[in-house]
Amino acid sequence: MSTLDTTDPTKFMVDYLTSFNEEILRSDEDAGQIVDHYYANDISLMADGQRMGRDDLIAHVRPIRKNRATSRVEVHEAVVDGDRIAARYTLYVSVRGRDLVIEVHFFGRFTPDGRMFEGHMLTRNVDTDADEFASGQAANESEAS
């Protein structure tokens, strides 16, 4: 696993999130063991005002494993200061025929071996209406020209 002091912060976040999701979905290993590989035992994770510890996180990933969701992440920016990282990214998820787009603002701290021991996330679901999403992309591309 990558560590903050040896990897570009954007690459670190992409690798961390992607490999965790892949292991949860593709491995037959116990969910608790996978969580322990990516998160410190005393993890303190605050997501949209809801605190999750290790047991809560394991309970959270079990339905993801069962539903076999697919996802990809696009990290827009990330900065590191010592063991701390701040990142802004978009998570694209497809589960049971539904496509979700979730904007995430993340602030976290990691152990020297690359496991998260503190995290704070603010998320926002983005409307994924296909016509509206496509017209928004076209408008953004026009403004960039």
Protein backbone atom coordinates (compact mmCIF):
# COMPACT_ATOMS: atom_id res chain seq x y z
CA MET A 1 0.00 0.00 0.00
CA SER A 2 1.19 3.51 -0.78
CA THR A 3 2.12 5.93 1.98
CA LEU A 4 1.66 9.70 2.11
CA ASP A 5 5.36 10.46 2.28
CA THR A 6 6.23 8.45 -0.85
CA THR A 7 3.33 9.14 -3.23
CA ASP A 8 1.76 12.10 -5.01
CA PRO A 9 -1.35 13.00 -2.93
CA THR A 10 -3.76 12.67 -5.86
CA LYS A 11 -2.35 9.26 -6.76
CA PHE A 12 -2.42 8.23 -3.09
CA MET A 13 -6.16 8.97 -2.84
CA VAL A 14 -6.99 7.26 -6.14
CA ASP A 15 -4.96 4.18 -5.19
CA TYR A 16 -6.34 4.05 -1.64
CA LEU A 17 -10.00 4.35 -2.61
CA THR A 18 -9.78 2.16 -5.69
CA SER A 19 -7.85 -0.69 -4.08
CA PHE A 20 -10.10 -0.72 -0.99
CA ASN A 21 -13.24 -0.92 -3.13
CA GLU A 22 -11.71 -3.58 -5.39
CA GLU A 23 -10.72 -5.74 -2.41
CA ILE A 24 -14.16 -5.41 -0.86
CA LEU A 25 -15.86 -6.41 -4.11
CA ARG A 26 -13.48 -9.01 -5.51
CA SER A 27 -12.01 -10.75 -2.50
CA ASP A 28 -13.51 -13.59 -0.50
CA GLU A 29 -11.49 -12.43 2.50
CA ASP A 30 -13.45 -11.48 5.62
CA ALA A 31 -14.66 -7.84 5.40
CA GLY A 32 -13.13 -7.14 8.83
CA GLN A 33 -9.69 -8.20 7.66
CA ILE A 34 -9.93 -5.98 4.59
CA VAL A 35 -11.06 -3.03 6.71
CA ASP A 36 -8.11 -3.66 9.06
CA HIS A 37 -5.73 -3.55 6.08
CA TYR A 38 -6.92 -0.02 5.16
CA TYR A 39 -8.07 1.47 8.48
CA ALA A 40 -6.47 1.62 11.93
CA ASN A 41 -8.28 -0.42 14.60
CA ASP A 42 -9.29 2.75 16.44
CA ILE A 43 -10.52 4.52 13.28
CA SER A 44 -12.59 7.64 13.86
CA LEU A 45 -14.53 8.37 10.70
CA MET A 46 -17.10 11.16 10.52
CA ALA A 47 -19.23 11.09 7.37
CA ASP A 48 -21.86 13.79 7.01
CA GLY A 49 -22.20 14.10 10.77
CA GLN A 50 -22.39 10.36 11.40
CA ARG A 51 -19.53 8.85 13.38
CA MET A 52 -18.32 5.41 12.35
CA GLY A 53 -15.87 3.22 14.17
CA ARG A 54 -14.38 -0.06 12.97
CA ASP A 55 -17.52 -2.16 13.55
CA ASP A 56 -19.73 0.46 11.86
CA LEU A 57 -17.40 0.55 8.86
CA ILE A 58 -17.50 -3.24 8.52
CA ALA A 59 -21.31 -3.16 8.67
CA HIS A 60 -21.30 -0.40 6.03
CA VAL A 61 -19.22 -2.38 3.51
CA ARG A 62 -21.14 -5.66 3.78
CA PRO A 63 -24.08 -4.49 1.59
CA ILE A 64 -21.62 -3.06 -0.93
CA ARG A 65 -20.06 -6.49 -1.21
CA LYS A 66 -23.44 -8.19 -1.47
CA ASN A 67 -24.78 -5.81 -4.14
CA ARG A 68 -21.55 -5.91 -6.19
CA ALA A 69 -21.59 -2.20 -6.91
CA THR A 70 -19.07 -0.86 -9.37
CA SER A 71 -17.31 2.43 -8.85
CA ARG A 72 -14.60 4.73 -10.01
CA VAL A 73 -13.11 7.81 -8.43
CA GLU A 74 -11.88 11.05 -9.95
CA VAL A 75 -9.67 13.07 -7.59
CA HIS A 76 -9.80 16.74 -8.52
CA GLU A 77 -7.22 17.95 -6.04
CA ALA A 78 -5.34 16.71 -2.99
CA VAL A 79 -2.76 18.23 -0.68
CA VAL A 80 -0.63 16.69 2.04
CA ASP A 81 0.88 18.11 5.21
CA GLY A 82 2.73 15.46 7.20
CA ASP A 83 0.23 12.70 8.05
CA ARG A 84 -2.74 14.81 6.95
CA ILE A 85 -4.42 14.92 3.56
CA ALA A 86 -7.24 17.04 2.17
CA ALA A 87 -8.88 15.97 -1.06
CA ARG A 88 -11.81 16.84 -3.24
CA TYR A 89 -13.08 14.01 -5.42
CA THR A 90 -16.09 12.61 -7.23
CA LEU A 91 -17.20 9.04 -6.72
CA TYR A 92 -19.18 7.39 -9.53
CA VAL A 93 -21.15 4.35 -8.38
CA SER A 94 -23.40 1.96 -10.24
CA VAL A 95 -25.50 -0.37 -8.13
CA ARG A 96 -28.65 -2.32 -9.00
CA GLY A 97 -29.24 -0.31 -12.17
CA ARG A 98 -28.82 3.05 -10.45
CA ASP A 99 -26.01 5.44 -11.25
CA LEU A 100 -24.88 7.70 -8.43
CA VAL A 101 -22.50 10.63 -8.57
CA ILE A 102 -21.20 11.75 -5.19
CA GLU A 103 -18.99 14.78 -4.59
CA VAL A 104 -16.72 14.33 -1.58
CA HIS A 105 -14.63 16.76 0.46
CA PHE A 106 -12.28 14.67 2.59
CA PHE A 107 -9.89 15.56 5.41
CA GLY A 108 -7.95 12.72 6.97
CA ARG A 109 -4.91 11.46 8.80
CA PHE A 110 -3.00 8.30 8.02
CA THR A 111 -0.60 6.04 9.87
CA PRO A 112 2.99 5.73 8.54
CA ASP A 113 2.00 2.44 6.85
CA GLY A 114 -0.84 4.12 4.89
CA ARG A 115 -3.91 3.17 6.97
CA MET A 116 -6.51 5.81 7.79
CA PHE A 117 -6.96 6.55 11.49
CA GLU A 118 -9.05 9.70 11.27
CA GLY A 119 -11.34 10.93 8.53
CA HIS A 120 -13.94 13.63 8.01
CA MET A 121 -16.09 13.62 4.88
CA LEU A 122 -18.72 15.94 3.57
CA THR A 123 -20.65 14.50 0.64
CA ARG A 124 -23.25 15.68 -1.82
CA ASN A 125 -25.25 13.55 -4.24
CA VAL A 126 -25.27 15.09 -7.70
CA ASP A 127 -28.42 14.87 -9.81
CA THR A 128 -27.69 12.25 -12.47
CA ASP A 129 -30.57 13.00 -14.83
CA ALA A 130 -28.94 12.02 -18.13
CA ASP A 131 -30.19 15.01 -20.17
CA GLU A 132 -29.34 17.55 -17.48
CA PHE A 133 -25.96 15.93 -16.81
CA ALA A 134 -25.06 15.90 -20.53
CA SER A 135 -26.14 19.53 -21.05
CA GLY A 136 -24.12 20.57 -17.99
CA GLN A 137 -21.05 18.85 -19.40
CA ALA A 138 -21.54 20.54 -22.77
CA ALA A 139 -21.89 23.96 -21.10
CA ASN A 140 -18.73 23.39 -19.06
CA GLU A 141 -16.81 22.35 -22.18
CA SER A 142 -18.03 25.48 -24.06
CA GLU A 143 -16.94 27.76 -21.20
CA ALA A 144 -13.51 26.14 -21.16
CA SER A 145 -12.98 26.85 -24.90
